C-alpha cells in the first residue's frame, strides 16, 4: 500500500501519480528496510514536496508493529525539511493511543508553519 499512498500524494501535489518504472507495484515489502523502493517514485515524491514547499510531519509510534520506525526515518531523510516525531509510548495508532500528545505535536507543527508562511 505504500506505493499506492505515494502515487496518491504525487497526484495531490500535481506531480502525477504513476511511475515510469514497472517495478513500483512490486516494490512494497521486499526492501531491506521495508517500504517503497522504487527509486524513481521516491525521488519524484521528494522533488514534488520540495517544489511545492510542502511542510511534512510524520508521526510514528515507537511500538508500531505494522510500520517499522526505520520506514519513517527513511522517508524523513528523503523529504527536505521533514519533521519526524516518534511517540515513545504508542504503537500503530498514536492519534488514538495518546490523542492529547498527538494533537500537541500537530498543533505545534502547524503553528510553526503558519507563522513562517505569514512572514
PDB file of N, CA and C in Angstrom:
ATOM      1  N   UNK A   1       0.812  -1.209   0.000  1.00  0.00           N
ATOM      2  CA  UNK A   1       0.000   0.000   0.000  1.00  0.00           C
ATOM      3  C   UNK A   1       0.845   1.259   0.000  1.00  0.00           C
ATOM      4  N   UNK A   2       2.095   1.153   0.383  1.00  0.00           N
ATOM      5  CA  UNK A   2       2.942   2.340   0.445  1.00  0.00           C
ATOM      6  C   UNK A   2       3.147   2.963  -0.932  1.00  0.00           C
ATOM      7  N   UNK A   3       3.333   2.133  -1.952  1.00  0.00           N
ATOM      8  CA  UNK A   3       3.487   2.655  -3.305  1.00  0.00           C
ATOM      9  C   UNK A   3       2.216   3.391  -3.713  1.00  0.00           C
ATOM     10  N   UNK A   4       1.070   2.813  -3.414  1.00  0.00           N
ATOM     11  CA  UNK A   4      -0.203   3.457  -3.723  1.00  0.00           C
ATOM     12  C   UNK A   4      -0.359   4.790  -3.005  1.00  0.00           C
ATOM     13  N   UNK A   5       0.076   4.861  -1.755  1.00  0.00           N
ATOM     14  CA  UNK A   5      -0.005   6.111  -0.994  1.00  0.00           C
ATOM     15  C   UNK A   5       0.884   7.180  -1.618  1.00  0.00           C
ATOM     16  N   UNK A   6       2.093   6.809  -2.006  1.00  0.00           N
ATOM     17  CA  UNK A   6       2.993   7.779  -2.631  1.00  0.00           C
ATOM     18  C   UNK A   6       2.412   8.253  -3.958  1.00  0.00           C
ATOM     19  N   UNK A   7       1.840   7.351  -4.740  1.00  0.00           N
ATOM     20  CA  UNK A   7       1.228   7.741  -6.007  1.00  0.00           C
ATOM     21  C   UNK A   7       0.055   8.695  -5.774  1.00  0.00           C
ATOM     22  N   UNK A   8      -0.747   8.439  -4.750  1.00  0.00           N
ATOM     23  CA  UNK A   8      -1.860   9.324  -4.404  1.00  0.00           C
ATOM     24  C   UNK A   8      -1.334  10.710  -4.026  1.00  0.00           C
ATOM     25  N   UNK A   9      -0.315  10.758  -3.188  1.00  0.00           N
ATOM     26  CA  UNK A   9       0.245  12.042  -2.761  1.00  0.00           C
ATOM     27  C   UNK A   9       0.867  12.796  -3.930  1.00  0.00           C
ATOM     28  N   UNK A  10       1.522  12.089  -4.826  1.00  0.00           N
ATOM     29  CA  UNK A  10       2.074  12.735  -6.025  1.00  0.00           C
ATOM     30  C   UNK A  10       0.956  13.373  -6.842  1.00  0.00           C
ATOM     31  N   UNK A  11      -0.127  12.662  -6.996  1.00  0.00           N
ATOM     32  CA  UNK A  11      -1.260  13.206  -7.751  1.00  0.00           C
ATOM     33  C   UNK A  11      -1.819  14.450  -7.063  1.00  0.00           C
ATOM     34  N   UNK A  12      -1.915  14.432  -5.741  1.00  0.00           N
ATOM     35  CA  UNK A  12      -2.423  15.591  -4.987  1.00  0.00           C
ATOM     36  C   UNK A  12      -1.474  16.781  -5.090  1.00  0.00           C
ATOM     37  N   UNK A  13      -0.179  16.516  -5.233  1.00  0.00           N
ATOM     38  CA  UNK A  13       0.805  17.581  -5.363  1.00  0.00           C
ATOM     39  C   UNK A  13       0.928  18.059  -6.806  1.00  0.00           C
ATOM     40  N   UNK A  14       0.160  17.458  -7.707  1.00  0.00           N
ATOM     41  CA  UNK A  14       0.182  17.863  -9.101  1.00  0.00           C
ATOM     42  C   UNK A  14       1.360  17.310  -9.868  1.00  0.00           C
ATOM     43  N   UNK A  15       1.995  16.274  -9.334  1.00  0.00           N
ATOM     44  CA  UNK A  15       3.181  15.709  -9.983  1.00  0.00           C
ATOM     45  C   UNK A  15       2.874  14.396 -10.687  1.00  0.00           C
ATOM     46  N   UNK A  16       1.610  14.042 -10.792  1.00  0.00           N
ATOM     47  CA  UNK A  16       1.250  12.764 -11.423  1.00  0.00           C
ATOM     48  C   UNK A  16       1.473  11.622 -10.466  1.00  0.00           C
ATOM     49  N   UNK A  17       0.630  10.614 -10.529  1.00  0.00           N
ATOM     50  CA  UNK A  17       0.711   9.530  -9.563  1.00  0.00           C
ATOM     51  C   UNK A  17       1.224   8.228 -10.099  1.00  0.00           C
ATOM     52  N   UNK A  18       1.646   8.189 -11.361  1.00  0.00           N
ATOM     53  CA  UNK A  18       2.114   6.919 -11.902  1.00  0.00           C
ATOM     54  C   UNK A  18       3.618   6.943 -12.055  1.00  0.00           C
ATOM     55  N   UNK A  19       4.194   5.787 -11.924  1.00  0.00           N
ATOM     56  CA  UNK A  19       5.647   5.667 -12.044  1.00  0.00           C
ATOM     57  C   UNK A  19       6.010   5.180 -13.426  1.00  0.00           C
ATOM     58  N   UNK A  20       7.118   5.661 -13.933  1.00  0.00           N
ATOM     59  CA  UNK A  20       7.589   5.183 -15.224  1.00  0.00           C
ATOM     60  C   UNK A  20       8.187   3.796 -15.097  1.00  0.00           C
ATOM     61  N   UNK A  21       8.449   3.381 -13.898  1.00  0.00           N
ATOM     62  CA  UNK A  21       9.050   2.067 -13.678  1.00  0.00           C
ATOM     63  C   UNK A  21       7.976   1.035 -13.414  1.00  0.00           C
ATOM     64  N   UNK A  22       8.097  -0.114 -14.042  1.00  0.00           N
ATOM     65  CA  UNK A  22       7.126  -1.175 -13.813  1.00  0.00           C
ATOM     66  C   UNK A  22       7.357  -1.857 -12.478  1.00  0.00           C
ATOM     67  N   UNK A  23       8.444  -1.528 -11.797  1.00  0.00           N
ATOM     68  CA  UNK A  23       8.731  -2.168 -10.515  1.00  0.00           C
ATOM     69  C   UNK A  23       7.964  -1.550  -9.359  1.00  0.00           C
ATOM     70  N   UNK A  24       7.231  -0.486  -9.598  1.00  0.00           N
ATOM     71  CA  UNK A  24       6.553   0.202  -8.499  1.00  0.00           C
ATOM     72  C   UNK A  24       5.591  -0.706  -7.763  1.00  0.00           C
ATOM     73  N   UNK A  25       4.803  -1.467  -8.489  1.00  0.00           N
ATOM     74  CA  UNK A  25       3.821  -2.327  -7.839  1.00  0.00           C
ATOM     75  C   UNK A  25       4.487  -3.443  -7.050  1.00  0.00           C
ATOM     76  N   UNK A  26       5.647  -3.878  -7.483  1.00  0.00           N
ATOM     77  CA  UNK A  26       6.339  -4.964  -6.804  1.00  0.00           C
ATOM     78  C   UNK A  26       7.285  -4.466  -5.724  1.00  0.00           C
ATOM     79  N   UNK A  27       7.354  -3.159  -5.538  1.00  0.00           N
ATOM     80  CA  UNK A  27       8.367  -2.590  -4.654  1.00  0.00           C
ATOM     81  C   UNK A  27       8.051  -2.742  -3.184  1.00  0.00           C
ATOM     82  N   UNK A  28       6.805  -2.973  -2.829  1.00  0.00           N
ATOM     83  CA  UNK A  28       6.418  -2.992  -1.426  1.00  0.00           C
ATOM     84  C   UNK A  28       6.800  -4.318  -0.784  1.00  0.00           C
ATOM     85  N   UNK A  29       7.424  -4.240   0.357  1.00  0.00           N
ATOM     86  CA  UNK A  29       7.642  -5.415   1.170  1.00  0.00           C
ATOM     87  C   UNK A  29       8.969  -6.124   0.976  1.00  0.00           C
ATOM     88  N   UNK A  30       9.586  -6.050  -0.177  1.00  0.00           N
ATOM     89  CA  UNK A  30      10.802  -6.800  -0.401  1.00  0.00           C
ATOM     90  C   UNK A  30      12.066  -6.004  -0.150  1.00  0.00           C
ATOM     91  N   UNK A  31      11.927  -4.831   0.357  1.00  0.00           N
ATOM     92  CA  UNK A  31      13.070  -3.947   0.527  1.00  0.00           C
ATOM     93  C   UNK A  31      13.818  -4.275   1.801  1.00  0.00           C
ATOM     94  N   UNK A  32      15.124  -3.996   1.837  1.00  0.00           N
ATOM     95  CA  UNK A  32      15.904  -4.265   3.038  1.00  0.00           C
ATOM     96  C   UNK A  32      15.356  -3.577   4.279  1.00  0.00           C
ATOM     97  N   UNK A  33      14.891  -2.333   4.127  1.00  0.00           N
ATOM     98  CA  UNK A  33      14.335  -1.623   5.288  1.00  0.00           C
ATOM     99  C   UNK A  33      12.823  -1.514   5.174  1.00  0.00           C
ATOM    100  N   UNK A  34      12.203  -2.222   4.227  1.00  0.00           N
ATOM    101  CA  UNK A  34      10.768  -2.144   4.035  1.00  0.00           C
ATOM    102  C   UNK A  34      10.391  -0.889   3.291  1.00  0.00           C
ATOM    103  N   UNK A  35       9.155  -0.814   2.840  1.00  0.00           N
ATOM    104  CA  UNK A  35       8.647   0.409   2.253  1.00  0.00           C
ATOM    105  C   UNK A  35       8.831   0.512   0.765  1.00  0.00           C
ATOM    106  N   UNK A  36       8.661   1.702   0.270  1.00  0.00           N
ATOM    107  CA  UNK A  36       8.722   1.967  -1.152  1.00  0.00           C
ATOM    108  C   UNK A  36      10.174   1.954  -1.600  1.00  0.00           C
ATOM    109  N   UNK A  37      10.506   1.114  -2.563  1.00  0.00           N
ATOM    110  CA  UNK A  37      11.885   1.005  -3.014  1.00  0.00           C
ATOM    111  C   UNK A  37      12.062   1.407  -4.469  1.00  0.00           C
ATOM    112  N   UNK A  38      11.008   1.871  -5.127  1.00  0.00           N
ATOM    113  CA  UNK A  38      11.142   2.366  -6.490  1.00  0.00           C
ATOM    114  C   UNK A  38      11.828   3.721  -6.401  1.00  0.00           C
ATOM    115  N   UNK A  39      13.114   3.752  -6.734  1.00  0.00           N
ATOM    116  CA  UNK A  39      13.913   4.964  -6.558  1.00  0.00           C
ATOM    117  C   UNK A  39      13.319   6.120  -7.354  1.00  0.00           C
ATOM    118  N   UNK A  40      12.839   5.860  -8.557  1.00  0.00           N
ATOM    119  CA  UNK A  40      12.236   6.914  -9.373  1.00  0.00           C
ATOM    120  C   UNK A  40      11.006   7.501  -8.711  1.00  0.00           C
ATOM    121  N   UNK A  41      10.182   6.653  -8.130  1.00  0.00           N
ATOM    122  CA  UNK A  41       8.954   7.120  -7.484  1.00  0.00           C
ATOM    123  C   UNK A  41       9.274   7.943  -6.241  1.00  0.00           C
ATOM    124  N   UNK A  42      10.184   7.465  -5.413  1.00  0.00           N
ATOM    125  CA  UNK A  42      10.518   8.208  -4.197  1.00  0.00           C
ATOM    126  C   UNK A  42      11.230   9.517  -4.532  1.00  0.00           C
ATOM    127  N   UNK A  43      12.075   9.506  -5.569  1.00  0.00           N
ATOM    128  CA  UNK A  43      12.755  10.744  -5.977  1.00  0.00           C
ATOM    129  C   UNK A  43      11.746  11.758  -6.491  1.00  0.00           C
ATOM    130  N   UNK A  44      10.764  11.312  -7.263  1.00  0.00           N
ATOM    131  CA  UNK A  44       9.727  12.219  -7.765  1.00  0.00           C
ATOM    132  C   UNK A  44       8.913  12.785  -6.609  1.00  0.00           C
ATOM    133  N   UNK A  45       8.630  11.950  -5.615  1.00  0.00           N
ATOM    134  CA  UNK A  45       7.861  12.404  -4.460  1.00  0.00           C
ATOM    135  C   UNK A  45       8.641  13.469  -3.692  1.00  0.00           C
ATOM    136  N   UNK A  46       9.912  13.207  -3.429  1.00  0.00           N
ATOM    137  CA  UNK A  46      10.746  14.178  -2.715  1.00  0.00           C
ATOM    138  C   UNK A  46      10.844  15.482  -3.500  1.00  0.00           C
ATOM    139  N   UNK A  47      10.988  15.380  -4.818  1.00  0.00           N
ATOM    140  CA  UNK A  47      11.077  16.587  -5.660  1.00  0.00           C
ATOM    141  C   UNK A  47       9.768  17.365  -5.644  1.00  0.00           C
ATOM    142  N   UNK A  48       8.644  16.664  -5.675  1.00  0.00           N
ATOM    143  CA  UNK A  48       7.340  17.333  -5.656  1.00  0.00           C
ATOM    144  C   UNK A  48       7.112  18.057  -4.331  1.00  0.00           C
ATOM    145  N   UNK A  49       7.497  17.430  -3.236  1.00  0.00           N
ATOM    146  CA  UNK A  49       7.359  18.063  -1.920  1.00  0.00           C
ATOM    147  C   UNK A  49       8.220  19.322  -1.872  1.00  0.00           C
ATOM    148  N   UNK A  50       9.454  19.225  -2.359  1.00  0.00           N
ATOM    149  CA  UNK A  50      10.355  20.379  -2.357  1.00  0.00           C
ATOM    150  C   UNK A  50       9.847  21.477  -3.281  1.00  0.00           C
ATOM    151  N   UNK A  51       9.382  21.111  -4.466  1.00  0.00           N
ATOM    152  CA  UNK A  51       8.914  22.104  -5.443  1.00  0.00           C
ATOM    153  C   UNK A  51       7.677  22.848  -4.947  1.00  0.00           C
ATOM    154  N   UNK A  52       6.840  22.155  -4.195  1.00  0.00           N
ATOM    155  CA  UNK A  52       5.630  22.774  -3.664  1.00  0.00           C
ATOM    156  C   UNK A  52       5.869  23.419  -2.306  1.00  0.00           C
ATOM    157  N   UNK A  53       7.107  23.298  -1.801  1.00  0.00           N
ATOM    158  CA  UNK A  53       7.437  23.821  -0.479  1.00  0.00           C
ATOM    159  C   UNK A  53       6.431  23.332   0.566  1.00  0.00           C
ATOM    160  N   UNK A  54       6.146  22.040   0.498  1.00  0.00           N
ATOM    161  CA  UNK A  54       5.139  21.426   1.354  1.00  0.00           C
ATOM    162  C   UNK A  54       5.741  21.002   2.676  1.00  0.00           C
ATOM    163  N   UNK A  55       5.269  21.568   3.789  1.00  0.00           N
ATOM    164  CA  UNK A  55       5.755  21.107   5.093  1.00  0.00           C
ATOM    165  C   UNK A  55       5.236  19.696   5.362  1.00  0.00           C
ATOM    166  N   UNK A  56       6.095  18.841   5.871  1.00  0.00           N
ATOM    167  CA  UNK A  56       5.723  17.451   6.112  1.00  0.00           C
ATOM    168  C   UNK A  56       6.016  17.091   7.566  1.00  0.00           C
ATOM    169  N   UNK A  57       5.025  16.516   8.203  1.00  0.00           N
ATOM    170  CA  UNK A  57       5.160  15.982   9.557  1.00  0.00           C
ATOM    171  C   UNK A  57       4.839  14.500   9.499  1.00  0.00           C
ATOM    172  N   UNK A  58       5.739  13.681   9.997  1.00  0.00           N
ATOM    173  CA  UNK A  58       5.489  12.249  10.142  1.00  0.00           C
ATOM    174  C   UNK A  58       5.419  11.972  11.629  1.00  0.00           C
ATOM    175  N   UNK A  59       4.320  11.375  12.075  1.00  0.00           N
ATOM    176  CA  UNK A  59       4.184  10.978  13.473  1.00  0.00           C
ATOM    177  C   UNK A  59       4.184   9.456  13.504  1.00  0.00           C
ATOM    178  N   UNK A  60       5.123   8.895  14.223  1.00  0.00           N
ATOM    179  CA  UNK A  60       5.339   7.453  14.276  1.00  0.00           C
ATOM    180  C   UNK A  60       5.251   6.981  15.714  1.00  0.00           C
ATOM    181  N   UNK A  61       4.557   5.894  15.933  1.00  0.00           N
ATOM    182  CA  UNK A  61       4.566   5.256  17.238  1.00  0.00           C
ATOM    183  C   UNK A  61       5.784   4.354  17.347  1.00  0.00           C
ATOM    184  N   UNK A  62       6.576   4.514  18.385  1.00  0.00           N
ATOM    185  CA  UNK A  62       7.803   3.717  18.540  1.00  0.00           C
ATOM    186  C   UNK A  62       7.497   2.223  18.613  1.00  0.00           C
ATOM    187  N   UNK A  63       6.334   1.877  19.108  1.00  0.00           N
ATOM    188  CA  UNK A  63       5.962   0.470  19.244  1.00  0.00           C
ATOM    189  C   UNK A  63       5.128  -0.064  18.098  1.00  0.00           C
ATOM    190  N   UNK A  64       5.118   0.631  16.976  1.00  0.00           N
ATOM    191  CA  UNK A  64       4.333   0.214  15.818  1.00  0.00           C
ATOM    192  C   UNK A  64       4.877  -1.106  15.272  1.00  0.00           C
ATOM    193  N   UNK A  65       4.024  -2.123  15.230  1.00  0.00           N
ATOM    194  CA  UNK A  65       4.439  -3.427  14.718  1.00  0.00           C
ATOM    195  C   UNK A  65       4.082  -3.604  13.243  1.00  0.00           C
ATOM    196  N   UNK A  66       3.343  -2.664  12.674  1.00  0.00           N
ATOM    197  CA  UNK A  66       2.968  -2.750  11.258  1.00  0.00           C
ATOM    198  C   UNK A  66       3.893  -1.940  10.367  1.00  0.00           C
ATOM    199  N   UNK A  67       4.258  -0.746  10.819  1.00  0.00           N
ATOM    200  CA  UNK A  67       5.155   0.128  10.057  1.00  0.00           C
ATOM    201  C   UNK A  67       6.393   0.365  10.911  1.00  0.00           C
ATOM    202  N   UNK A  68       7.507  -0.221  10.533  1.00  0.00           N
ATOM    203  CA  UNK A  68       8.726  -0.047  11.326  1.00  0.00           C
ATOM    204  C   UNK A  68       9.174   1.413  11.355  1.00  0.00           C
ATOM    205  N   UNK A  69       9.729   1.809  12.472  1.00  0.00           N
ATOM    206  CA  UNK A  69      10.251   3.166  12.601  1.00  0.00           C
ATOM    207  C   UNK A  69      11.298   3.449  11.525  1.00  0.00           C
ATOM    208  N   UNK A  70      12.011   2.422  11.100  1.00  0.00           N
ATOM    209  CA  UNK A  70      13.017   2.607  10.046  1.00  0.00           C
ATOM    210  C   UNK A  70      12.390   3.131   8.756  1.00  0.00           C
ATOM    211  N   UNK A  71      11.145   2.748   8.466  1.00  0.00           N
ATOM    212  CA  UNK A  71      10.459   3.280   7.276  1.00  0.00           C
ATOM    213  C   UNK A  71      10.255   4.785   7.399  1.00  0.00           C
ATOM    214  N   UNK A  72       9.810   5.223   8.575  1.00  0.00           N
ATOM    215  CA  UNK A  72       9.571   6.649   8.784  1.00  0.00           C
ATOM    216  C   UNK A  72      10.876   7.431   8.766  1.00  0.00           C
ATOM    217  N   UNK A  73      11.929   6.868   9.338  1.00  0.00           N
ATOM    218  CA  UNK A  73      13.239   7.522   9.314  1.00  0.00           C
ATOM    219  C   UNK A  73      13.738   7.677   7.881  1.00  0.00           C
ATOM    220  N   UNK A  74      13.560   6.634   7.092  1.00  0.00           N
ATOM    221  CA  UNK A  74      13.996   6.673   5.701  1.00  0.00           C
ATOM    222  C   UNK A  74      13.224   7.739   4.930  1.00  0.00           C
ATOM    223  N   UNK A  75      11.909   7.785   5.106  1.00  0.00           N
ATOM    224  CA  UNK A  75      11.087   8.777   4.417  1.00  0.00           C
ATOM    225  C   UNK A  75      11.452  10.188   4.870  1.00  0.00           C
ATOM    226  N   UNK A  76      11.667  10.371   6.155  1.00  0.00           N
ATOM    227  CA  UNK A  76      12.028  11.692   6.677  1.00  0.00           C
ATOM    228  C   UNK A  76      13.350  12.177   6.095  1.00  0.00           C
ATOM    229  N   UNK A  77      14.293  11.261   5.888  1.00  0.00           N
ATOM    230  CA  UNK A  77      15.575  11.638   5.281  1.00  0.00           C
ATOM    231  C   UNK A  77      15.405  12.049   3.820  1.00  0.00           C
ATOM    232  N   UNK A  78      14.441  11.464   3.137  1.00  0.00           N
ATOM    233  CA  UNK A  78      14.207  11.780   1.723  1.00  0.00           C
ATOM    234  C   UNK A  78      13.547  13.142   1.516  1.00  0.00           C
ATOM    235  N   UNK A  79      12.763  13.573   2.486  1.00  0.00           N
ATOM    236  CA  UNK A  79      11.964  14.785   2.328  1.00  0.00           C
ATOM    237  C   UNK A  79      12.632  15.957   3.030  1.00  0.00           C
ATOM    238  N   UNK A  80      13.107  16.897   2.245  1.00  0.00           N
ATOM    239  CA  UNK A  80      13.819  18.061   2.771  1.00  0.00           C
ATOM    240  C   UNK A  80      12.949  18.811   3.785  1.00  0.00           C
ATOM    241  N   UNK A  81      13.502  19.037   4.969  1.00  0.00           N
ATOM    242  CA  UNK A  81      12.800  19.791   5.995  1.00  0.00           C
ATOM    243  C   UNK A  81      11.703  19.039   6.715  1.00  0.00           C
ATOM    244  N   UNK A  82      11.605  17.749   6.489  1.00  0.00           N
ATOM    245  CA  UNK A  82      10.562  16.940   7.126  1.00  0.00           C
ATOM    246  C   UNK A  82      10.791  16.868   8.633  1.00  0.00           C
ATOM    247  N   UNK A  83       9.711  16.946   9.382  1.00  0.00           N
ATOM    248  CA  UNK A  83       9.765  16.798  10.840  1.00  0.00           C
ATOM    249  C   UNK A  83       9.253  15.404  11.181  1.00  0.00           C
ATOM    250  N   UNK A  84      10.049  14.639  11.901  1.00  0.00           N
ATOM    251  CA  UNK A  84       9.656  13.305  12.352  1.00  0.00           C
ATOM    252  C   UNK A  84       9.488  13.338  13.862  1.00  0.00           C
ATOM    253  N   UNK A  85       8.324  12.939  14.318  1.00  0.00           N
ATOM    254  CA  UNK A  85       8.060  12.833  15.753  1.00  0.00           C
ATOM    255  C   UNK A  85       7.773  11.364  16.066  1.00  0.00           C
ATOM    256  N   UNK A  86       8.590  10.769  16.912  1.00  0.00           N
ATOM    257  CA  UNK A  86       8.385   9.380  17.318  1.00  0.00           C
ATOM    258  C   UNK A  86       7.830   9.396  18.736  1.00  0.00           C
ATOM    259  N   UNK A  87       6.622   8.886  18.871  1.00  0.00           N
ATOM    260  CA  UNK A  87       5.962   8.854  20.175  1.00  0.00           C
ATOM    261  C   UNK A  87       6.324   7.547  20.875  1.00  0.00           C
ATOM    262  N   UNK A  88       7.033   7.665  21.990  1.00  0.00           N
ATOM    263  CA  UNK A  88       7.622   6.520  22.676  1.00  0.00           C
ATOM    264  C   UNK A  88       6.607   5.509  23.193  1.00  0.00           C
ATOM    265  N   UNK A  89       5.474   5.954  23.664  1.00  0.00           N
ATOM    266  CA  UNK A  89       4.511   5.042  24.286  1.00  0.00           C
ATOM    267  C   UNK A  89       3.320   4.745  23.382  1.00  0.00           C
ATOM    268  N   UNK A  90       3.549   4.750  22.075  1.00  0.00           N
ATOM    269  CA  UNK A  90       2.479   4.490  21.125  1.00  0.00           C
ATOM    270  C   UNK A  90       2.875   3.402  20.149  1.00  0.00           C
ATOM    271  N   UNK A  91       1.833   2.806  19.574  1.00  0.00           N
ATOM    272  CA  UNK A  91       2.032   1.804  18.542  1.00  0.00           C
ATOM    273  C   UNK A  91       1.600   2.362  17.194  1.00  0.00           C
ATOM    274  N   UNK A  92       0.776   1.594  16.478  1.00  0.00           N
ATOM    275  CA  UNK A  92       0.390   1.938  15.116  1.00  0.00           C
ATOM    276  C   UNK A  92      -0.588   3.117  15.039  1.00  0.00           C
ATOM    277  N   UNK A  93      -1.306   3.389  16.093  1.00  0.00           N
ATOM    278  CA  UNK A  93      -2.328   4.453  16.074  1.00  0.00           C
ATOM    279  C   UNK A  93      -2.076   5.488  17.163  1.00  0.00           C
ATOM    280  N   UNK A  94      -0.993   6.260  17.065  1.00  0.00           N
ATOM    281  CA  UNK A  94      -0.686   7.211  18.129  1.00  0.00           C
ATOM    282  C   UNK A  94      -1.779   8.249  18.333  1.00  0.00           C
ATOM    283  N   UNK A  95      -2.514   8.589  17.266  1.00  0.00           N
ATOM    284  CA  UNK A  95      -3.594   9.564  17.389  1.00  0.00           C
ATOM    285  C   UNK A  95      -4.718   9.045  18.284  1.00  0.00           C
ATOM    286  N   UNK A  96      -4.835   7.740  18.426  1.00  0.00           N
ATOM    287  CA  UNK A  96      -5.846   7.153  19.307  1.00  0.00           C
ATOM    288  C   UNK A  96      -5.268   6.758  20.660  1.00  0.00           C
ATOM    289  N   UNK A  97      -4.011   6.341  20.666  1.00  0.00           N
ATOM    290  CA  UNK A  97      -3.387   5.864  21.892  1.00  0.00           C
ATOM    291  C   UNK A  97      -2.981   6.994  22.830  1.00  0.00           C
ATOM    292  N   UNK A  98      -2.562   8.124  22.267  1.00  0.00           N
ATOM    293  CA  UNK A  98      -2.168   9.295  23.048  1.00  0.00           C
ATOM    294  C   UNK A  98      -2.681  10.547  22.325  1.00  0.00           C
ATOM    295  N   UNK A  99      -4.006  10.727  22.292  1.00  0.00           N
ATOM    296  CA  UNK A  99      -4.580  11.806  21.485  1.00  0.00           C
ATOM    297  C   UNK A  99      -4.127  13.209  21.890  1.00  0.00           C
ATOM    298  N   UNK A 100      -3.931  13.444  23.186  1.00  0.00           N
ATOM    299  CA  UNK A 100      -3.516  14.785  23.614  1.00  0.00           C
ATOM    300  C   UNK A 100      -2.110  15.114  23.126  1.00  0.00           C
ATOM    301  N   UNK A 101      -1.187  14.173  23.305  1.00  0.00           N
ATOM    302  CA  UNK A 101       0.182  14.386  22.850  1.00  0.00           C
ATOM    303  C   UNK A 101       0.224  14.513  21.323  1.00  0.00           C
ATOM    304  N   UNK A 102      -0.520  13.673  20.643  1.00  0.00           N
ATOM    305  CA  UNK A 102      -0.578  13.739  19.182  1.00  0.00           C
ATOM    306  C   UNK A 102      -1.080  15.112  18.727  1.00  0.00           C
ATOM    307  N   UNK A 103      -2.154  15.582  19.350  1.00  0.00           N
ATOM    308  CA  UNK A 103      -2.712  16.895  18.997  1.00  0.00           C
ATOM    309  C   UNK A 103      -1.707  18.011  19.280  1.00  0.00           C
ATOM    310  N   UNK A 104      -0.963  17.902  20.381  1.00  0.00           N
ATOM    311  CA  UNK A 104       0.064  18.903  20.701  1.00  0.00           C
ATOM    312  C   UNK A 104       1.164  18.929  19.635  1.00  0.00           C
ATOM    313  N   UNK A 105       1.587  17.744  19.193  1.00  0.00           N
ATOM    314  CA  UNK A 105       2.627  17.655  18.163  1.00  0.00           C
ATOM    315  C   UNK A 105       2.154  18.296  16.868  1.00  0.00           C
ATOM    316  N   UNK A 106       0.928  17.959  16.454  1.00  0.00           N
ATOM    317  CA  UNK A 106       0.377  18.508  15.210  1.00  0.00           C
ATOM    318  C   UNK A 106       0.155  20.013  15.341  1.00  0.00           C
ATOM    319  N   UNK A 107      -0.397  20.458  16.470  1.00  0.00           N
ATOM    320  CA  UNK A 107      -0.659  21.889  16.671  1.00  0.00           C
ATOM    321  C   UNK A 107       0.641  22.695  16.644  1.00  0.00           C
ATOM    322  N   UNK A 108       1.678  22.161  17.282  1.00  0.00           N
ATOM    323  CA  UNK A 108       2.973  22.842  17.287  1.00  0.00           C
ATOM    324  C   UNK A 108       3.542  22.948  15.875  1.00  0.00           C
ATOM    325  N   UNK A 109       3.450  21.873  15.116  1.00  0.00           N
ATOM    326  CA  UNK A 109       3.929  21.860  13.739  1.00  0.00           C
ATOM    327  C   UNK A 109       3.159  22.879  12.891  1.00  0.00           C
ATOM    328  N   UNK A 110       1.836  22.867  13.017  1.00  0.00           N
ATOM    329  CA  UNK A 110       1.011  23.811  12.242  1.00  0.00           C
ATOM    330  C   UNK A 110       1.278  25.252  12.641  1.00  0.00           C
ATOM    331  N   UNK A 111       1.432  25.501  13.932  1.00  0.00           N
ATOM    332  CA  UNK A 111       1.708  26.880  14.384  1.00  0.00           C
ATOM    333  C   UNK A 111       3.036  27.385  13.824  1.00  0.00           C
ATOM    334  N   UNK A 112       4.039  26.517  13.836  1.00  0.00           N
ATOM    335  CA  UNK A 112       5.355  26.884  13.327  1.00  0.00           C
ATOM    336  C   UNK A 112       5.286  27.202  11.825  1.00  0.00           C
ATOM    337  N   UNK A 113       4.557  26.407  11.078  1.00  0.00           N
ATOM    338  CA  UNK A 113       4.484  26.616   9.633  1.00  0.00           C
ATOM    339  C   UNK A 113       3.504  27.712   9.241  1.00  0.00           C
ATOM    340  N   UNK A 114       2.492  27.941  10.048  1.00  0.00           N
ATOM    341  CA  UNK A 114       1.576  29.054   9.798  1.00  0.00           C
ATOM    342  C   UNK A 114       2.302  30.367  10.031  1.00  0.00           C
ATOM    343  N   UNK A 115       3.075  30.445  11.134  1.00  0.00           N
ATOM    344  CA  UNK A 115       3.838  31.647  11.434  1.00  0.00           C
ATOM    345  C   UNK A 115       4.866  31.926  10.359  1.00  0.00           C
ATOM    346  N   UNK A 116       5.532  30.879   9.869  1.00  0.00           N
ATOM    347  CA  UNK A 116       6.542  31.047   8.821  1.00  0.00           C
ATOM    348  C   UNK A 116       5.913  31.516   7.515  1.00  0.00           C
ATOM    349  N   UNK A 117       4.706  31.065   7.226  1.00  0.00           N
ATOM    350  CA  UNK A 117       4.018  31.446   5.991  1.00  0.00           C
ATOM    351  C   UNK A 117       3.556  32.903   6.034  1.00  0.00           C
ATOM    352  N   UNK A 118       3.307  33.421   7.240  1.00  0.00           N
ATOM    353  CA  UNK A 118       2.825  34.802   7.385  1.00  0.00           C
ATOM    354  C   UNK A 118       3.945  35.816   7.285  1.00  0.00           C
ATOM    355  N   UNK A 119       5.190  35.374   7.427  1.00  0.00           N
ATOM    356  CA  UNK A 119       6.336  36.308   7.390  1.00  0.00           C
ATOM    357  C   UNK A 119       6.646  36.736   5.991  1.00  0.00           C
TER     358      UNK A 119
END
